[in-house]
Amino acid sequence: MAAPPRVRLPALLQGAAFALDTIRFLEWCRDRYGDVYEVRLPGMGKFVYIADPALIKQVFAADRDIGLAGAARRPIFEPLLGSRSLLTTDGEQWERQRKLIGPPFHGELIENYRDQIREIAAGEVDRWPRGMAFPFRPRMLAITLETILRLVFGIDDAARLERLRELLPKLGEQGAWLFWLQPPSRYMWFPPIKAIFRTRHAIDEILFDEIAQRRADPNVAERDDILSLLITGSDADDQELRDELMTLLAAGHDTTATALAWAFERLARHPDVVRRIREEDGEEYLDAVVKETLRVRPVISDVIRTLKEPMQLGEWEIPVDRHPTPGIALVQRDRDIHDDQLAFRPERFIGNPKSFSGWIPFGGGRRRCVGSHLAMLEMKVVIKTVLDRVDLEAGGRRDERARLHHITLVPMRGALLAVRPRADTPVGLPSREARDERAEPVAVAGD
């Protein structure tokens, strides 16, 4: 068997193209080399990108024997998440972590959080300026962080909440250095690496103390936050609980916020979709809107595996020093599956099984994201809450392009939008909009 074709560009140029316009670079490579090809990224390794749904299924199936998702992520994520994170473990250790964290994320239990998410989102919307464009992504980050602090961590203390609101985003930004300085133990003298571990230590002090208090709470079994459910429903020790809390933060904060930012960026440019969301009684169409957002504006470009031994993949053989990498962006925007692959058409996900071919925003196989139910629910509730209260207006004439921010593909301008009081505000909503007697023209710096 032959090795997959290599992209015939210098590694430095490949890395630059990947960083500057990830999806365009990966699609250019696919158009030139086919559905399986090798990319070399300086300092990171050799990645075999895969754009064929059948071959992607084969990669996910290999997680049961030769595929190692945890090992592929460990160099970057273990310093932040810990050695017993669901994202950084494989084999028996991963099996234990999956059994530990899976039950609280059952779909029926997650549905119980609907009202709390709506309350968090409504409180955020009421603080937004009217008639002036601002980036949505930071406001979505505020919503998803608050959701995690309240529903996952279950923290009630106001001072502690405020401290974590400061520390957790800081750790996420500082952690970007870990992509370039591997292993971090070699660079402990470097001030940015020192700062990462100082911030992590400050967060750990709060989390371990919260875990201890929760264990001592005689009413812990009556609480419904995920930390309390993990304490009462498992034999996890404090370190495991800490690592899983940080994992849930990493997996559900930035990614869900970015997906929401993309959703509103798309909705502001598709008023017909907004109108239909408001008119529909059930959630079928809203669910399709979320799925279409994740399809056409993927938050993560790929999922990576490391191999124990060479892998046969269709007509190709993947050596152990290559990372088989299903290309989320490639397969979800495949013109052979969607002849209008760049169009935003949520109805494609209603009564059309073909649309789900290659739809893998949460990964696939046994390593599919355990928090997918919460992410989908959060997106639907936040979108509906925002659209119930305000109308959207795009802050620029052109669709926003994606740029790589750490590992996520974010809107170039942060999803720059304006909101106005709804012209047809439903009865019974808070009266914030009624107090905005008139809206000023949209103000956009430099537009």
Protein backbone atom coordinates (compact mmCIF):
# COMPACT_ATOMS: atom_id res chain seq x y z
CA MET A 1 0.00 0.00 0.00
CA ALA A 2 1.13 3.53 -0.76
CA ALA A 3 1.39 6.46 1.62
CA PRO A 4 -1.06 9.34 1.05
CA PRO A 5 0.15 12.16 -1.21
CA ARG A 6 2.03 14.95 0.55
CA VAL A 7 1.21 18.61 0.04
CA ARG A 8 4.09 19.91 -2.09
CA LEU A 9 4.73 23.14 -0.24
CA PRO A 10 7.45 23.96 2.31
CA ALA A 11 6.32 23.12 5.84
CA LEU A 12 6.64 26.76 6.94
CA LEU A 13 4.37 27.85 4.10
CA GLN A 14 1.85 25.13 4.97
CA GLY A 15 1.84 26.29 8.58
CA ALA A 16 1.33 29.90 7.57
CA ALA A 17 -1.51 29.05 5.19
CA PHE A 18 -3.16 26.87 7.84
CA ALA A 19 -2.96 29.67 10.42
CA LEU A 20 -4.14 32.44 8.08
CA ASP A 21 -7.12 30.70 6.45
CA THR A 22 -7.53 27.17 7.76
CA ILE A 23 -10.57 26.02 5.81
CA ARG A 24 -9.51 27.57 2.51
CA PHE A 25 -6.08 25.94 2.79
CA LEU A 26 -7.52 22.50 3.64
CA GLU A 27 -10.06 22.73 0.80
CA TRP A 28 -7.34 23.81 -1.64
CA CYS A 29 -5.32 20.75 -0.64
CA ARG A 30 -8.35 18.47 -1.03
CA ASP A 31 -9.12 19.85 -4.49
CA ARG A 32 -5.49 19.33 -5.53
CA TYR A 33 -4.61 16.01 -3.86
CA GLY A 34 -7.90 14.22 -3.24
CA ASP A 35 -9.81 13.11 -0.14
CA VAL A 36 -6.70 11.89 1.72
CA TYR A 37 -3.48 13.92 1.89
CA GLU A 38 -0.62 14.75 4.24
CA VAL A 39 -0.01 18.19 5.74
CA ARG A 40 3.12 19.15 7.68
CA LEU A 41 2.78 21.84 10.35
CA PRO A 42 6.06 23.10 11.87
CA GLY A 43 6.46 22.16 15.50
CA MET A 44 3.28 20.10 15.52
CA GLY A 45 3.82 17.10 13.24
CA LYS A 46 2.51 15.35 10.16
CA PHE A 47 -1.26 15.09 9.70
CA VAL A 48 -3.13 12.93 7.21
CA TYR A 49 -6.35 14.81 6.49
CA ILE A 50 -9.37 12.73 5.51
CA ALA A 51 -12.45 14.08 3.71
CA ASP A 52 -14.23 10.82 2.81
CA PRO A 53 -17.13 9.95 5.20
CA ALA A 54 -16.52 6.20 4.89
CA LEU A 55 -12.82 6.53 5.70
CA ILE A 56 -13.61 8.87 8.59
CA LYS A 57 -15.87 6.18 10.06
CA GLN A 58 -12.93 3.78 9.80
CA VAL A 59 -10.74 6.19 11.79
CA PHE A 60 -13.38 6.51 14.51
CA ALA A 61 -13.79 2.72 14.62
CA ALA A 62 -10.03 2.39 15.21
CA ASP A 63 -10.48 4.07 18.62
CA ARG A 64 -11.25 0.58 19.94
CA ASP A 65 -7.77 -0.73 19.17
CA ILE A 66 -5.02 1.29 17.47
CA GLY A 67 -6.40 4.85 17.53
CA LEU A 68 -5.42 7.09 20.46
CA ALA A 69 -7.42 10.32 20.78
CA GLY A 70 -6.09 11.08 24.25
CA ALA A 71 -2.44 10.72 23.28
CA ALA A 72 -2.98 13.10 20.36
CA ARG A 73 -4.33 15.81 22.67
CA ARG A 74 -2.15 15.19 25.72
CA PRO A 75 0.84 17.43 24.93
CA ILE A 76 -1.35 20.52 24.70
CA PHE A 77 -4.22 19.83 27.08
CA GLU A 78 -2.75 17.83 29.96
CA PRO A 79 -0.97 20.84 31.56
CA LEU A 80 -4.35 22.58 31.80
CA LEU A 81 -6.83 19.75 32.24
CA GLY A 82 -4.80 17.17 34.16
CA SER A 83 -3.72 13.60 33.59
CA ARG A 84 -7.16 12.10 34.26
CA SER A 85 -9.20 14.20 31.88
CA LEU A 86 -11.64 12.55 29.49
CA LEU A 87 -9.85 14.39 26.68
CA THR A 88 -6.31 13.24 27.52
CA THR A 89 -6.76 9.57 28.48
CA ASP A 90 -7.06 6.35 26.49
CA GLY A 91 -7.82 2.70 27.20
CA GLU A 92 -9.03 1.63 30.64
CA GLN A 93 -8.46 5.07 32.16
CA TRP A 94 -10.65 6.65 29.49
CA GLU A 95 -13.31 3.96 30.03
CA ARG A 96 -13.42 4.88 33.72
CA GLN A 97 -13.65 8.60 33.03
CA ARG A 98 -16.39 8.07 30.43
CA LYS A 99 -18.46 5.99 32.85
CA LEU A 100 -17.94 8.63 35.51
CA ILE A 101 -18.97 11.64 33.48
CA GLY A 102 -21.52 10.11 31.11
CA PRO A 103 -24.61 9.69 33.35
CA PRO A 104 -25.03 13.38 34.37
CA PHE A 105 -25.05 14.30 30.67
CA HIS A 106 -27.95 12.04 29.77
CA GLY A 107 -30.37 13.93 27.52
CA GLU A 108 -33.31 13.81 29.94
CA LEU A 109 -31.24 15.21 32.81
CA ILE A 110 -29.79 17.96 30.64
CA GLU A 111 -33.31 19.10 29.72
CA ASN A 112 -33.78 20.13 33.36
CA TYR A 113 -31.34 23.00 32.77
CA ARG A 114 -33.47 24.71 30.12
CA ASP A 115 -35.02 27.36 32.40
CA GLN A 116 -31.70 28.23 34.04
CA ILE A 117 -29.98 28.71 30.67
CA ARG A 118 -32.88 30.91 29.55
CA GLU A 119 -32.53 33.02 32.70
CA ILE A 120 -28.77 33.46 32.17
CA ALA A 121 -29.26 34.42 28.51
CA ALA A 122 -32.12 36.84 29.25
CA GLY A 123 -30.06 38.62 31.89
CA GLU A 124 -27.22 39.04 29.42
CA VAL A 125 -29.45 40.34 26.61
CA ASP A 126 -30.95 42.98 28.92
CA ARG A 127 -27.48 44.50 29.34
CA TRP A 128 -26.79 44.91 25.62
CA PRO A 129 -26.77 48.36 23.98
CA ARG A 130 -29.49 48.97 21.39
CA GLY A 131 -28.74 50.38 17.96
CA MET A 132 -24.95 50.12 18.24
CA ALA A 133 -22.89 47.33 16.69
CA PHE A 134 -20.78 45.24 19.06
CA PRO A 135 -19.05 41.83 18.77
CA PHE A 136 -21.35 39.01 19.85
CA ARG A 137 -18.66 36.45 20.59
CA PRO A 138 -17.50 38.01 23.91
CA ARG A 139 -21.14 38.18 25.03
CA MET A 140 -21.65 34.52 24.10
CA LEU A 141 -18.51 33.66 26.07
CA ALA A 142 -20.09 35.37 29.08
CA ILE A 143 -23.25 33.27 28.70
CA THR A 144 -21.47 29.93 28.29
CA LEU A 145 -19.06 30.63 31.16
CA GLU A 146 -21.96 31.53 33.45
CA THR A 147 -23.75 28.34 32.38
CA ILE A 148 -20.74 26.24 33.32
CA LEU A 149 -20.16 28.01 36.63
CA ARG A 150 -23.77 27.58 37.71
CA LEU A 151 -24.93 24.34 36.10
CA VAL A 152 -21.70 22.34 35.95
CA PHE A 153 -19.62 23.70 38.83
CA GLY A 154 -22.71 24.60 40.87
CA ILE A 155 -20.96 27.51 42.60
CA ASP A 156 -23.19 29.91 44.54
CA ASP A 157 -20.70 32.13 46.38
CA ALA A 158 -20.69 35.55 44.66
CA ALA A 159 -17.04 36.36 45.40
CA ARG A 160 -15.91 32.96 44.20
CA LEU A 161 -17.96 33.28 41.02
CA GLU A 162 -16.44 36.67 40.30
CA ARG A 163 -12.93 35.35 40.83
CA LEU A 164 -13.50 32.43 38.46
CA ARG A 165 -15.03 34.76 35.86
CA GLU A 166 -11.66 36.52 35.91
CA LEU A 167 -9.36 33.49 36.09
CA LEU A 168 -10.92 30.99 33.70
CA PRO A 169 -10.89 33.16 30.54
CA LYS A 170 -7.36 34.26 31.45
CA LEU A 171 -6.20 30.64 31.58
CA GLY A 172 -7.76 29.98 28.18
CA GLU A 173 -5.86 32.86 26.60
CA GLN A 174 -2.58 32.06 28.34
CA GLY A 175 -2.87 28.40 27.32
CA ALA A 176 -2.25 29.31 23.68
CA TRP A 177 1.49 29.20 24.44
CA LEU A 178 1.20 25.45 24.94
CA PHE A 179 0.62 25.00 21.19
CA TRP A 180 4.11 26.27 20.47
CA LEU A 181 6.22 25.34 23.51
CA GLN A 182 6.29 21.57 23.94
CA PRO A 183 6.83 20.06 26.39
CA PRO A 184 6.13 22.99 28.75
CA SER A 185 8.45 21.50 31.41
CA ARG A 186 11.39 22.65 29.26
CA TYR A 187 10.20 26.25 29.36
CA MET A 188 9.29 26.75 33.02
CA TRP A 189 11.71 29.70 33.07
CA PHE A 190 9.69 31.48 30.36
CA PRO A 191 7.34 34.11 31.92
CA PRO A 192 4.22 33.16 29.85
CA ILE A 193 4.58 29.49 30.93
CA LYS A 194 5.04 30.56 34.56
CA ALA A 195 1.88 32.65 34.24
CA ILE A 196 -0.12 29.63 32.99
CA PHE A 197 0.76 27.57 36.04
CA ARG A 198 0.14 30.47 38.44
CA THR A 199 -3.35 30.92 37.02
CA ARG A 200 -4.01 27.18 37.07
CA HIS A 201 -2.93 26.99 40.71
CA ALA A 202 -5.29 29.84 41.67
CA ILE A 203 -8.19 28.06 39.93
CA ASP A 204 -7.29 24.72 41.52
CA GLU A 205 -7.38 26.23 45.00
CA ILE A 206 -10.97 27.33 44.42
CA LEU A 207 -12.07 24.08 42.79
CA PHE A 208 -10.56 21.78 45.41
CA ASP A 209 -12.10 23.86 48.19
CA GLU A 210 -15.47 23.77 46.42
CA ILE A 211 -15.23 19.98 46.06
CA ALA A 212 -14.42 19.64 49.78
CA GLN A 213 -17.35 21.85 50.75
CA ARG A 214 -19.69 19.93 48.47
CA ARG A 215 -18.62 16.59 49.94
CA ALA A 216 -19.34 17.96 53.42
CA ASP A 217 -22.76 19.33 52.43
CA PRO A 218 -25.48 17.10 53.98
CA ASN A 219 -27.88 18.24 51.25
CA VAL A 220 -25.58 17.51 48.32
CA ALA A 221 -27.88 14.73 47.05
CA GLU A 222 -30.65 17.30 46.58
CA ARG A 223 -28.58 19.51 44.28
CA ASP A 224 -28.81 19.16 40.51
CA ASP A 225 -25.50 20.68 39.32
CA ILE A 226 -23.16 18.26 37.58
CA LEU A 227 -20.43 18.41 40.23
CA SER A 228 -22.92 17.33 42.89
CA LEU A 229 -24.22 14.56 40.63
CA LEU A 230 -20.66 13.32 40.12
CA ILE A 231 -19.99 13.35 43.87
CA THR A 232 -23.14 11.45 44.79
CA GLY A 233 -23.15 9.08 41.84
CA SER A 234 -19.54 7.91 41.64
CA ASP A 235 -16.42 7.01 43.60
CA ALA A 236 -14.30 9.67 41.89
CA ASP A 237 -11.55 11.20 44.01
CA ASP A 238 -10.90 14.93 44.25
CA GLN A 239 -8.29 15.00 41.49
CA GLU A 240 -10.59 13.19 39.06
CA LEU A 241 -13.40 15.62 39.85
CA ARG A 242 -11.12 18.59 39.35
CA ASP A 243 -9.82 17.27 36.02
CA GLU A 244 -13.33 16.61 34.73
CA LEU A 245 -14.57 20.05 35.77
CA MET A 246 -11.71 21.60 33.81
CA THR A 247 -12.46 19.28 30.88
CA LEU A 248 -16.08 20.36 30.80
CA LEU A 249 -14.96 23.97 30.88
CA ALA A 250 -12.51 23.45 28.00
CA ALA A 251 -14.98 21.45 25.92
CA GLY A 252 -18.06 23.57 26.52
CA HIS A 253 -17.05 27.19 27.02
CA ASP A 254 -15.18 28.58 24.02
CA THR A 255 -16.58 26.10 21.51
CA THR A 256 -20.27 26.64 22.34
CA ALA A 257 -19.78 30.40 22.55
CA THR A 258 -18.12 30.45 19.13
CA ALA A 259 -20.90 28.31 17.64
CA LEU A 260 -23.48 30.75 19.04
CA ALA A 261 -21.57 33.71 17.61
CA TRP A 262 -21.62 32.06 14.19
CA ALA A 263 -25.33 31.29 14.56
CA PHE A 264 -26.19 34.94 15.14
CA GLU A 265 -23.81 36.07 12.39
CA ARG A 266 -25.75 33.81 9.99
CA LEU A 267 -29.18 34.74 11.34
CA ALA A 268 -28.53 38.48 11.01
CA ARG A 269 -28.01 37.90 7.28
CA HIS A 270 -30.98 35.54 6.86
CA PRO A 271 -34.12 37.28 8.17
CA ASP A 272 -36.30 34.61 6.57
CA VAL A 273 -34.73 32.03 8.90
CA VAL A 274 -35.33 34.31 11.91
CA ARG A 275 -38.95 34.72 10.87
CA ARG A 276 -39.49 30.99 10.62
CA ILE A 277 -37.87 30.33 14.03
CA ARG A 278 -40.32 32.79 15.57
CA GLU A 279 -43.31 31.31 13.75
CA GLU A 280 -42.62 27.62 14.45
CA ASP A 281 -44.33 26.12 17.51
CA GLY A 282 -41.96 23.21 18.11
CA GLU A 283 -38.18 22.94 18.03
CA GLU A 284 -37.69 20.95 14.84
CA TYR A 285 -36.70 23.94 12.75
CA LEU A 286 -34.64 25.53 15.53
CA ASP A 287 -32.77 22.25 15.92
CA ALA A 288 -32.11 22.30 12.17
CA VAL A 289 -30.79 25.87 12.45
CA VAL A 290 -28.25 24.76 15.04
CA LYS A 291 -27.19 21.77 12.95
CA GLU A 292 -26.82 23.90 9.82
CA THR A 293 -24.75 26.48 11.71
CA LEU A 294 -22.39 23.77 12.94
CA ARG A 295 -22.20 22.37 9.41
CA VAL A 296 -21.47 25.49 7.38
CA ARG A 297 -19.46 27.32 10.07
CA PRO A 298 -17.58 24.54 11.91
CA VAL A 299 -16.02 25.62 15.19
CA ILE A 300 -13.23 23.02 15.04
CA SER A 301 -11.51 22.20 11.75
CA ASP A 302 -10.58 18.60 12.57
CA VAL A 303 -10.18 15.83 15.13
CA ILE A 304 -6.80 14.18 15.58
CA ARG A 305 -5.66 10.65 16.40
CA THR A 306 -2.30 9.08 17.21
CA LEU A 307 -1.61 5.46 16.15
CA LYS A 308 -0.21 2.49 18.05
CA GLU A 309 0.65 0.76 14.78
CA PRO A 310 0.36 1.47 11.04
CA MET A 311 -3.21 1.80 9.81
CA GLN A 312 -4.70 0.67 6.53
CA LEU A 313 -7.12 3.32 5.34
CA GLY A 314 -8.76 2.47 2.03
CA GLU A 315 -5.95 2.31 -0.53
CA TRP A 316 -3.51 4.07 1.80
CA GLU A 317 -1.24 3.03 4.65
CA ILE A 318 -0.81 5.54 7.48
CA PRO A 319 2.53 5.17 9.32
CA VAL A 320 2.67 5.49 13.11
CA ASP A 321 4.44 8.85 12.91
CA ARG A 322 1.44 10.40 11.11
CA HIS A 323 -1.80 11.59 12.72
CA PRO A 324 -4.96 10.43 10.92
CA THR A 325 -7.13 13.55 11.02
CA PRO A 326 -10.80 13.55 9.98
CA GLY A 327 -11.43 16.98 8.48
CA ILE A 328 -14.66 18.26 10.00
CA ALA A 329 -14.70 21.35 7.81
CA LEU A 330 -13.86 19.31 4.70
CA VAL A 331 -16.53 16.66 4.96
CA GLN A 332 -19.32 18.94 6.21
CA ARG A 333 -18.83 21.34 3.28
CA ASP A 334 -18.36 18.58 0.70
CA ARG A 335 -20.01 19.49 -2.59
CA ASP A 336 -20.66 15.78 -3.30
CA ILE A 337 -22.99 15.74 -0.26
CA HIS A 338 -24.37 19.28 -0.56
CA ASP A 339 -24.49 20.78 -4.04
CA ASP A 340 -25.03 24.17 -2.37
CA GLN A 341 -22.47 23.49 0.33
CA LEU A 342 -21.90 27.12 1.34
CA ALA A 343 -25.57 28.13 1.49
CA PHE A 344 -27.24 28.53 4.90
CA ARG A 345 -30.33 26.34 4.53
CA PRO A 346 -31.50 24.78 7.82
CA GLU A 347 -34.34 22.94 6.08
CA ARG A 348 -31.76 20.54 4.61
CA PHE A 349 -31.72 18.83 8.04
CA ILE A 350 -35.48 18.18 8.06
CA GLY A 351 -36.47 14.86 6.50
CA ASN A 352 -33.22 14.47 4.57
CA PRO A 353 -30.95 11.73 6.00
CA LYS A 354 -28.25 12.48 3.40
CA SER A 355 -27.53 15.78 5.14
CA PHE A 356 -26.19 13.89 8.15
CA SER A 357 -23.58 12.12 6.03
CA GLY A 358 -20.29 13.49 7.29
CA TRP A 359 -21.95 15.74 9.90
CA ILE A 360 -19.39 15.39 12.73
CA PRO A 361 -19.16 18.68 14.69
CA PHE A 362 -18.87 16.67 17.93
CA GLY A 363 -16.49 14.05 16.57
CA GLY A 364 -17.68 10.49 16.20
CA GLY A 365 -17.58 6.92 17.41
CA ARG A 366 -17.00 6.15 21.05
CA ARG A 367 -15.05 9.42 21.51
CA ARG A 368 -17.97 11.61 20.44
CA CYS A 369 -18.23 14.67 22.70
CA VAL A 370 -20.03 13.72 25.92
CA GLY A 371 -21.40 17.26 26.27
CA SER A 372 -23.11 17.39 22.88
CA HIS A 373 -26.63 17.29 24.41
CA LEU A 374 -25.84 20.26 26.65
CA ALA A 375 -24.25 22.20 23.78
CA MET A 376 -27.26 21.65 21.49
CA LEU A 377 -29.71 22.59 24.24
CA GLU A 378 -27.72 25.68 25.17
CA MET A 379 -27.57 26.87 21.58
CA LYS A 380 -31.30 26.40 21.03
CA VAL A 381 -32.30 28.11 24.26
CA VAL A 382 -29.94 31.06 23.79
CA ILE A 383 -30.97 31.61 20.15
CA LYS A 384 -34.67 31.52 21.04
CA THR A 385 -34.19 33.80 24.07
CA VAL A 386 -32.31 36.41 22.05
CA LEU A 387 -34.75 36.36 19.13
CA ASP A 388 -37.70 36.64 21.52
CA ARG A 389 -36.28 39.94 22.77
CA VAL A 390 -34.48 41.72 19.96
CA ASP A 391 -34.09 42.02 16.21
CA LEU A 392 -30.64 41.51 14.72
CA GLU A 393 -28.81 43.70 12.24
CA ALA A 394 -25.50 42.81 10.61
CA GLY A 395 -22.67 45.16 11.47
CA GLY A 396 -21.09 44.90 8.03
CA ARG A 397 -22.06 44.30 4.44
CA ARG A 398 -20.08 41.08 3.96
CA ASP A 399 -20.26 37.66 5.61
CA GLU A 400 -17.58 37.33 8.25
CA ARG A 401 -14.71 35.01 7.40
CA ALA A 402 -13.26 32.54 9.87
CA ARG A 403 -9.91 33.03 11.56
CA LEU A 404 -8.02 30.53 13.70
CA HIS A 405 -8.03 31.45 17.40
CA HIS A 406 -6.12 28.80 19.39
CA ILE A 407 -7.99 25.70 18.15
CA THR A 408 -11.32 27.30 17.23
CA LEU A 409 -12.47 28.98 14.02
CA VAL A 410 -14.00 32.27 15.15
CA PRO A 411 -15.72 35.06 13.19
CA MET A 412 -13.11 37.51 11.90
CA ARG A 413 -14.83 40.50 13.53
CA GLY A 414 -16.20 38.61 16.51
CA ALA A 415 -19.69 38.43 14.92
CA LEU A 416 -20.16 42.20 14.78
CA LEU A 417 -23.91 42.85 15.05
CA ALA A 418 -26.40 45.36 16.36
CA VAL A 419 -29.66 44.64 18.16
CA ARG A 420 -32.86 46.67 18.20
CA PRO A 421 -36.11 46.33 20.14
CA ARG A 422 -38.38 43.85 18.42
CA ALA A 423 -40.96 45.47 16.22
CA ASP A 424 -43.45 42.77 17.28
CA THR A 425 -42.37 42.02 20.88
CA PRO A 426 -44.38 39.03 22.19
CA VAL A 427 -46.66 39.66 25.14
CA GLY A 428 -45.23 38.81 28.54
CA LEU A 429 -41.54 39.46 27.92
CA PRO A 430 -39.53 41.81 30.18
CA SER A 431 -40.10 45.48 29.38
CA ARG A 432 -36.46 46.46 28.67
CA GLU A 433 -37.29 46.93 25.01
CA ALA A 434 -40.28 49.08 25.84
CA ARG A 435 -37.94 51.52 27.61
CA ASP A 436 -35.91 51.95 24.41
CA GLU A 437 -38.24 54.50 22.87
CA ARG A 438 -36.30 54.84 19.64
CA ALA A 439 -33.24 53.22 18.09
CA GLU A 440 -30.33 55.23 16.76
CA PRO A 441 -28.64 54.33 13.45
CA VAL A 442 -26.20 51.46 13.71
CA ALA A 443 -22.74 52.76 14.63
CA VAL A 444 -19.84 50.72 13.30
CA ALA A 445 -16.31 52.02 13.63
CA GLY A 446 -14.52 52.03 10.29
CA ASP A 447 -17.35 50.39 8.37
